[in-house]
Protein backbone atom coordinates (compact mmCIF):
# COMPACT_ATOMS: atom_id res chain seq x y z
CA MET A 1 152.76 -11.55 124.44
CA LEU A 2 148.98 -11.78 124.57
CA VAL A 3 147.08 -11.11 121.33
CA LEU A 4 143.62 -9.63 120.87
CA PRO A 5 141.37 -10.98 118.10
CA SER A 6 140.29 -8.92 115.09
CA ARG A 7 136.81 -8.43 116.57
CA LEU A 8 136.14 -7.53 120.21
CA THR A 9 132.65 -6.32 121.00
CA HIS A 10 130.28 -7.02 123.86
CA ASP A 11 129.47 -10.41 122.32
CA GLU A 12 133.12 -11.56 122.34
CA ALA A 13 134.30 -9.86 125.53
CA SER A 14 133.76 -12.73 127.99
CA ALA A 15 135.45 -15.32 125.80
CA CYS A 16 138.32 -12.96 125.05
CA MET A 17 138.84 -12.22 128.74
CA ARG A 18 138.94 -15.95 129.55
CA MET A 19 141.57 -16.41 126.81
CA LEU A 20 143.65 -13.54 128.21
CA GLN A 21 143.35 -14.88 131.76
CA GLN A 22 144.72 -18.24 130.60
CA GLY A 23 147.55 -16.44 128.84
CA LEU A 24 148.33 -14.39 131.94
CA ALA A 25 148.46 -17.53 134.08
CA GLY A 26 150.95 -19.11 131.69
CA GLN A 27 153.20 -16.08 131.38
CA SER A 28 156.39 -15.33 133.21
CA GLY A 29 158.32 -12.12 133.34
CA SER A 30 157.88 -8.69 134.81
CA ALA A 31 155.49 -7.20 132.27
CA THR A 32 152.41 -8.14 130.32
CA VAL A 33 152.18 -6.87 126.75
CA VAL A 34 148.91 -7.13 124.85
CA ASP A 35 149.10 -6.91 121.06
CA ALA A 36 146.02 -5.07 119.78
CA SER A 37 147.26 -4.59 116.22
CA ALA A 38 144.79 -7.11 114.73
CA LEU A 39 141.81 -5.41 116.38
CA ALA A 40 139.63 -3.99 113.60
CA GLN A 41 136.06 -4.19 114.93
CA PHE A 42 135.46 -3.13 118.52
CA ASP A 43 133.30 -1.22 120.93
CA SER A 44 133.91 0.04 124.44
CA SER A 45 134.02 -3.59 125.62
CA ALA A 46 137.54 -3.76 124.19
CA LEU A 47 138.57 -1.09 126.70
CA ALA A 48 136.91 -3.01 129.52
CA VAL A 49 138.82 -6.15 128.56
CA LEU A 50 142.13 -4.26 128.41
CA LEU A 51 141.48 -2.65 131.81
CA GLU A 52 140.63 -6.01 133.38
CA CYS A 53 143.77 -7.52 131.90
CA ARG A 54 145.76 -4.59 133.31
CA ARG A 55 144.18 -5.10 136.74
CA GLU A 56 144.98 -8.82 136.77
CA SER A 57 148.51 -8.19 135.55
CA SER A 58 149.00 -5.64 138.32
CA ALA A 59 147.64 -8.08 140.90
CA MET A 60 150.40 -10.48 139.78
CA GLY A 61 153.00 -7.77 140.32
CA ARG A 62 153.61 -7.21 136.62
CA GLY A 63 153.70 -4.10 134.49
CA PHE A 64 151.28 -3.66 131.61
CA ALA A 65 151.48 -2.19 128.11
CA VAL A 66 149.55 -2.36 124.85
CA LYS A 67 151.17 -2.76 121.44
CA GLY A 68 149.45 -1.61 118.26
CA LEU A 69 146.49 0.23 119.78
CA SER A 70 144.59 1.79 116.89
CA PRO A 71 144.09 5.56 116.81
CA ARG A 72 140.31 5.02 117.03
CA LEU A 73 140.59 2.92 120.17
CA ARG A 74 143.12 5.37 121.66
CA GLU A 75 140.58 8.19 120.99
CA LEU A 76 137.86 6.20 122.73
CA ALA A 77 140.15 5.62 125.72
CA THR A 78 140.89 9.35 125.81
CA LEU A 79 137.18 10.15 125.66
CA TYR A 80 136.59 7.91 128.69
CA GLY A 81 139.61 9.39 130.49
CA ILE A 82 141.54 6.13 130.70
CA ALA A 83 144.20 6.52 127.99
CA GLY A 84 146.89 6.86 130.65
CA LEU A 85 146.03 3.40 131.96
CA LEU A 86 146.89 1.85 128.58
CA PRO A 87 150.53 2.74 127.96
CA ALA A 88 152.06 1.92 124.59
CA ALA A 89 154.55 -0.92 124.46
CA PRO A 90 157.97 0.00 123.08
């Protein structure tokens, strides 16, 4: 499982994406799960990072899901019309 940091804004987005890319490369299995439960401070960059992670996971032939997405971030995803691209992990 990949884990997001507690803060993910524009300033942290590039470093976070590099960390997730390394995690994706080292993963095996049929699905990528990103744990967003620690995420407390964020802006729309968090959505961009999640969408890029989803895209890379899909390119590897894996499914994608997000665990612990906060209601505020889910609302932001809904506002942008992308909530369906960030399914909740069981």
